[in-house]
Amino acid sequence: MSNPGQLLQQINQRADTLGSSLIHMFHESRRAYRLTTSILSAGLRLQWITKPAVTNVVFRQIYFTGVQSMLWVVLVAFGIGALAVYNIVDFSKSIQDMSLIGRLISDLLVKEVAPLVVTILLLSRSGVAVVTELGTMHVRGEDLTLSSMGISKEEYLLWPRLMAFTLCGLILTFIFVFVSIWLGGLIVSMSYEINFIDFLIEVRRGTSMEEIMILLGKGTLYPMLSAVMLLNMGCKVGREPNMIPVYATQGVLGSLMLVIMGDAVIALVLNLI
């Protein structure tokens, strides 16, 4: 058995570890908060609209993040939508309560699955690229070059990526919902589970304006949180090129954890209201 001195030493070591972890989390949260406020401050001033160099970066980021991801979103929406809608209709038909179709599609597919799946797709396709690109710029000293030329790093490098992730995430979320419901409904109607028009009527009945607002909020918040995490990790690379893959992995995994935790918090708050 451990003597009281060893036990006290173990308790102190664990307390030190816990304290260090909490302090590290506090510093990281404060760093992310300062980074977010500086990016939003630079972007919402709208001075970048009159700067062709910045608008060019914005358009390129929107094309890379949104347009090139659209095909993958449509394909995944078709697969998930067909599977989810078919099972929901089949379940509702088995218990002879077709009114469940709209409510289940709204609660599961619209409010939960769509924003999460779209954010995961954006992270898997563009997450590593964002951290790698920013990290490479830091390694090469391009951020210092921009500063010496009087160009804002937040305005030229960070805001276009945050804006592209947030805007494209929201648009792709609505595309995901539209494709999954319509194509899923068409497939179900072809299998004679339910008439397509009746299916759309049930979906309309089960969807309220509150649920659309929740979709709007999640479709904006989740990509934005992911972008903040990725940009924070990209800016932490410093001058060490071997740290780029480390921070890229941490950025993607950290974004996933942040989105999942955010979804859990939102669900808890909505249940308490």
Protein backbone atom coordinates (compact mmCIF):
# COMPACT_ATOMS: atom_id res chain seq x y z
CA MET A 1 0.00 0.00 0.00
CA SER A 2 1.13 3.56 -0.71
CA ASN A 3 2.08 5.62 2.29
CA PRO A 4 0.30 8.96 2.90
CA GLY A 5 3.26 10.92 1.50
CA GLN A 6 3.19 9.09 -1.86
CA LEU A 7 -0.59 9.40 -2.05
CA LEU A 8 -0.37 13.14 -1.41
CA GLN A 9 2.34 13.46 -4.08
CA GLN A 10 0.15 11.65 -6.63
CA ILE A 11 -2.78 13.92 -5.81
CA ASN A 12 -0.57 16.99 -6.24
CA GLN A 13 0.74 15.72 -9.60
CA ARG A 14 -2.77 15.10 -10.89
CA ALA A 15 -3.88 18.50 -9.63
CA ASP A 16 -0.92 20.13 -11.42
CA THR A 17 -1.78 18.26 -14.63
CA LEU A 18 -5.42 19.30 -14.41
CA GLY A 19 -4.50 22.89 -13.64
CA SER A 20 -2.05 23.04 -16.56
CA SER A 21 -4.71 21.63 -18.89
CA LEU A 22 -7.27 24.19 -17.74
CA ILE A 23 -4.80 27.05 -18.14
CA HIS A 24 -3.89 25.79 -21.63
CA MET A 25 -7.58 25.59 -22.60
CA PHE A 26 -8.13 29.11 -21.27
CA HIS A 27 -5.22 30.52 -23.29
CA GLU A 28 -6.34 28.67 -26.43
CA SER A 29 -9.90 29.94 -26.01
CA ARG A 30 -8.69 33.50 -25.51
CA ARG A 31 -6.42 33.20 -28.54
CA ALA A 32 -9.28 31.89 -30.69
CA TYR A 33 -11.58 34.66 -29.42
CA ARG A 34 -9.05 37.39 -30.25
CA LEU A 35 -8.41 35.88 -33.67
CA THR A 36 -12.14 35.67 -34.42
CA THR A 37 -12.84 39.25 -33.35
CA SER A 38 -9.89 40.58 -35.39
CA ILE A 39 -11.03 38.68 -38.51
CA LEU A 40 -14.66 39.78 -38.15
CA SER A 41 -13.56 43.35 -37.48
CA ALA A 42 -11.49 43.37 -40.67
CA GLY A 43 -14.23 41.74 -42.74
CA LEU A 44 -17.31 43.59 -41.49
CA ARG A 45 -15.72 46.98 -42.14
CA LEU A 46 -16.29 46.06 -45.83
CA GLN A 47 -13.19 47.93 -46.95
CA TRP A 48 -12.02 44.76 -48.68
CA ILE A 49 -14.79 45.15 -51.27
CA THR A 50 -12.89 48.03 -52.86
CA LYS A 51 -9.63 46.04 -52.99
CA PRO A 52 -9.41 43.80 -56.09
CA ALA A 53 -6.62 41.70 -54.58
CA VAL A 54 -8.78 40.71 -51.61
CA THR A 55 -11.98 40.17 -53.62
CA ASN A 56 -10.02 37.92 -55.97
CA VAL A 57 -8.95 35.79 -52.99
CA VAL A 58 -12.56 35.73 -51.73
CA PHE A 59 -13.88 34.49 -55.08
CA ARG A 60 -11.16 31.83 -55.34
CA GLN A 61 -11.90 30.59 -51.84
CA ILE A 62 -15.64 30.44 -52.52
CA TYR A 63 -15.00 28.50 -55.72
CA PHE A 64 -12.62 26.06 -54.00
CA THR A 65 -14.71 25.59 -50.85
CA GLY A 66 -18.22 25.73 -52.26
CA VAL A 67 -18.44 25.16 -56.00
CA GLN A 68 -15.94 22.30 -56.13
CA SER A 69 -17.64 20.64 -53.13
CA MET A 70 -21.13 20.81 -54.58
CA LEU A 71 -20.94 17.52 -56.50
CA TRP A 72 -19.86 15.63 -53.36
CA VAL A 73 -22.65 17.23 -51.33
CA VAL A 74 -25.24 16.25 -53.96
CA LEU A 75 -23.97 12.66 -54.13
CA VAL A 76 -23.93 12.24 -50.35
CA ALA A 77 -27.33 13.93 -50.04
CA PHE A 78 -28.74 11.54 -52.63
CA GLY A 79 -27.43 8.49 -50.75
CA ILE A 80 -28.36 9.65 -47.26
CA GLY A 81 -31.64 11.18 -48.39
CA ALA A 82 -32.82 8.09 -50.22
CA LEU A 83 -31.92 5.84 -47.30
CA ALA A 84 -33.33 8.11 -44.59
CA VAL A 85 -36.55 9.00 -46.40
CA TYR A 86 -37.26 5.41 -47.37
CA ASN A 87 -36.81 4.17 -43.80
CA ILE A 88 -38.88 7.02 -42.35
CA VAL A 89 -41.75 6.39 -44.79
CA ASP A 90 -41.55 2.65 -44.26
CA PHE A 91 -41.63 3.09 -40.46
CA SER A 92 -44.55 5.53 -40.62
CA LYS A 93 -46.44 3.19 -42.91
CA SER A 94 -45.79 0.18 -40.65
CA ILE A 95 -47.44 1.92 -37.67
CA GLN A 96 -50.09 3.47 -39.93
CA ASP A 97 -49.27 7.06 -38.97
CA MET A 98 -48.17 8.96 -42.08
CA SER A 99 -48.13 12.23 -40.15
CA LEU A 100 -44.80 11.10 -38.67
CA ILE A 101 -43.09 11.51 -42.05
CA GLY A 102 -42.83 15.28 -41.89
CA ARG A 103 -41.87 15.43 -38.22
CA LEU A 104 -39.15 12.76 -38.49
CA ILE A 105 -37.67 14.25 -41.64
CA SER A 106 -37.65 17.68 -40.04
CA ASP A 107 -36.21 16.52 -36.70
CA LEU A 108 -33.61 14.10 -38.08
CA LEU A 109 -32.69 15.03 -41.63
CA VAL A 110 -33.19 18.79 -41.60
CA LYS A 111 -32.19 19.84 -38.09
CA GLU A 112 -29.47 17.30 -37.29
CA VAL A 113 -28.04 15.36 -40.23
CA ALA A 114 -27.77 18.10 -42.88
CA PRO A 115 -25.60 20.67 -41.01
CA LEU A 116 -23.36 17.99 -39.49
CA VAL A 117 -22.78 16.08 -42.74
CA VAL A 118 -22.07 19.23 -44.76
CA THR A 119 -19.58 20.48 -42.16
CA ILE A 120 -17.83 17.09 -42.13
CA LEU A 121 -17.64 17.13 -45.94
CA LEU A 122 -16.12 20.62 -45.91
CA LEU A 123 -13.59 19.60 -43.28
CA SER A 124 -12.60 16.40 -45.08
CA ARG A 125 -12.14 18.22 -48.37
CA SER A 126 -10.85 21.67 -47.39
CA GLY A 127 -9.80 21.48 -43.74
CA VAL A 128 -6.27 20.20 -44.25
CA ALA A 129 -5.80 22.51 -47.24
CA VAL A 130 -6.62 25.61 -45.17
CA VAL A 131 -4.16 24.80 -42.38
CA THR A 132 -1.46 23.67 -44.83
CA GLU A 133 -1.78 26.78 -46.97
CA LEU A 134 -1.61 29.18 -44.02
CA GLY A 135 1.17 27.18 -42.36
CA THR A 136 3.25 27.23 -45.55
CA MET A 137 2.82 31.00 -45.81
CA HIS A 138 4.05 31.40 -42.23
CA VAL A 139 7.03 29.12 -42.85
CA ARG A 140 8.03 31.11 -45.94
CA GLY A 141 7.57 34.42 -44.12
CA GLU A 142 4.84 35.62 -46.48
CA ASP A 143 2.84 37.02 -43.55
CA LEU A 144 5.78 39.26 -42.65
CA THR A 145 6.05 40.37 -46.27
CA LEU A 146 2.38 41.34 -46.27
CA SER A 147 2.83 43.29 -43.02
CA SER A 148 5.84 45.13 -44.42
CA MET A 149 3.72 46.15 -47.42
CA GLY A 150 0.96 47.46 -45.16
CA ILE A 151 -1.47 44.66 -46.09
CA SER A 152 -3.66 43.30 -43.30
CA LYS A 153 -3.19 39.57 -42.74
CA GLU A 154 -6.69 39.29 -41.31
CA GLU A 155 -8.21 41.00 -44.36
CA TYR A 156 -6.16 39.31 -47.08
CA LEU A 157 -5.53 35.81 -45.69
CA LEU A 158 -8.02 34.99 -42.95
CA TRP A 159 -11.29 36.77 -43.76
CA PRO A 160 -11.70 35.24 -47.27
CA ARG A 161 -11.35 31.73 -45.84
CA LEU A 162 -13.69 32.36 -42.92
CA MET A 163 -16.27 33.95 -45.22
CA ALA A 164 -16.01 31.17 -47.80
CA PHE A 165 -16.38 28.41 -45.20
CA THR A 166 -19.37 30.10 -43.53
CA LEU A 167 -21.23 31.19 -46.66
CA CYS A 168 -20.61 28.00 -48.63
CA GLY A 169 -21.47 25.86 -45.61
CA LEU A 170 -24.85 27.56 -45.28
CA ILE A 171 -25.68 27.31 -48.99
CA LEU A 172 -24.53 23.69 -49.24
CA THR A 173 -26.62 22.79 -46.18
CA PHE A 174 -29.78 24.00 -47.91
CA ILE A 175 -28.75 22.21 -51.11
CA PHE A 176 -28.25 19.03 -49.08
CA VAL A 177 -31.75 19.33 -47.58
CA PHE A 178 -33.37 20.07 -50.94
CA VAL A 179 -31.64 17.22 -52.77
CA SER A 180 -32.13 14.64 -50.01
CA ILE A 181 -35.86 15.37 -49.61
CA TRP A 182 -36.74 15.63 -53.30
CA LEU A 183 -34.65 12.74 -54.59
CA GLY A 184 -35.50 10.62 -51.57
CA GLY A 185 -39.18 11.36 -52.11
CA LEU A 186 -38.97 10.48 -55.81
CA ILE A 187 -37.35 7.13 -55.03
CA VAL A 188 -39.96 6.37 -52.38
CA SER A 189 -42.76 7.28 -54.78
CA MET A 190 -41.32 4.97 -57.43
CA SER A 191 -41.41 2.11 -54.94
CA TYR A 192 -45.13 2.82 -54.37
CA GLU A 193 -44.62 3.53 -50.66
CA ILE A 194 -46.39 6.89 -50.98
CA ASN A 195 -47.43 9.32 -53.70
CA PHE A 196 -44.80 12.02 -54.30
CA ILE A 197 -47.25 14.91 -53.87
CA ASP A 198 -48.60 13.40 -50.65
CA PHE A 199 -45.02 12.99 -49.45
CA LEU A 200 -44.24 16.68 -50.06
CA ILE A 201 -47.45 17.68 -48.28
CA GLU A 202 -46.47 15.66 -45.21
CA VAL A 203 -42.97 17.19 -45.24
CA ARG A 204 -44.48 20.67 -45.44
CA ARG A 205 -46.84 19.93 -42.54
CA GLY A 206 -44.03 18.68 -40.36
CA THR A 207 -41.68 21.60 -40.99
CA SER A 208 -42.16 24.83 -39.05
CA MET A 209 -40.46 28.20 -39.36
CA GLU A 210 -38.67 27.54 -36.06
CA GLU A 211 -37.01 24.44 -37.52
CA ILE A 212 -35.96 26.37 -40.62
CA MET A 213 -34.37 29.01 -38.38
CA ILE A 214 -32.55 26.27 -36.46
CA LEU A 215 -31.25 24.89 -39.77
CA LEU A 216 -30.16 28.40 -40.75
CA GLY A 217 -28.34 28.86 -37.45
CA LYS A 218 -26.59 25.50 -37.47
CA GLY A 219 -25.74 25.77 -41.16
CA THR A 220 -23.96 29.05 -40.41
CA LEU A 221 -22.48 28.29 -36.98
CA TYR A 222 -20.90 24.89 -37.61
CA PRO A 223 -18.82 25.89 -40.67
CA MET A 224 -17.85 29.14 -38.94
CA LEU A 225 -16.62 27.33 -35.81
CA SER A 226 -14.68 24.90 -38.02
CA ALA A 227 -13.08 27.74 -39.96
CA VAL A 228 -12.03 29.53 -36.76
CA MET A 229 -10.37 26.35 -35.47
CA LEU A 230 -8.58 25.75 -38.77
CA LEU A 231 -7.37 29.34 -39.08
CA ASN A 232 -6.17 29.31 -35.48
CA MET A 233 -4.14 26.16 -36.11
CA GLY A 234 -2.77 27.53 -39.37
CA CYS A 235 -1.54 30.67 -37.61
CA LYS A 236 0.15 28.59 -34.87
CA VAL A 237 2.51 26.80 -37.25
CA GLY A 238 5.18 29.46 -36.95
CA ARG A 239 8.44 28.83 -38.85
CA GLU A 240 8.66 25.05 -38.41
CA PRO A 241 7.55 23.21 -41.60
CA ASN A 242 7.40 19.85 -39.81
CA MET A 243 4.59 21.22 -37.61
CA ILE A 244 2.23 21.74 -40.57
CA PRO A 245 0.84 18.16 -40.65
CA VAL A 246 0.57 18.13 -36.84
CA TYR A 247 -1.53 21.29 -36.72
CA ALA A 248 -3.51 20.23 -39.79
CA THR A 249 -4.58 17.04 -38.03
CA GLN A 250 -5.32 18.90 -34.81
CA GLY A 251 -7.32 21.48 -36.73
CA VAL A 252 -9.59 18.93 -38.43
CA LEU A 253 -10.09 16.79 -35.31
CA GLY A 254 -10.54 19.87 -33.12
CA SER A 255 -13.15 21.24 -35.52
CA LEU A 256 -15.07 17.97 -35.42
CA MET A 257 -15.02 17.93 -31.62
CA LEU A 258 -16.06 21.59 -31.46
CA VAL A 259 -19.00 21.03 -33.81
CA ILE A 260 -20.17 17.92 -31.94
CA MET A 261 -19.94 19.72 -28.59
CA GLY A 262 -21.79 22.70 -30.07
CA ASP A 263 -24.53 20.41 -31.37
CA ALA A 264 -24.89 18.82 -27.92
CA VAL A 265 -25.11 22.25 -26.25
CA ILE A 266 -27.73 23.44 -28.74
CA ALA A 267 -29.80 20.29 -28.22
CA LEU A 268 -29.63 20.75 -24.44
CA VAL A 269 -30.64 24.41 -24.66
CA LEU A 270 -33.55 23.64 -27.00
CA ASN A 271 -34.78 20.93 -24.64
CA LEU A 272 -34.69 23.34 -21.70
CA ILE A 273 -36.59 26.07 -23.51
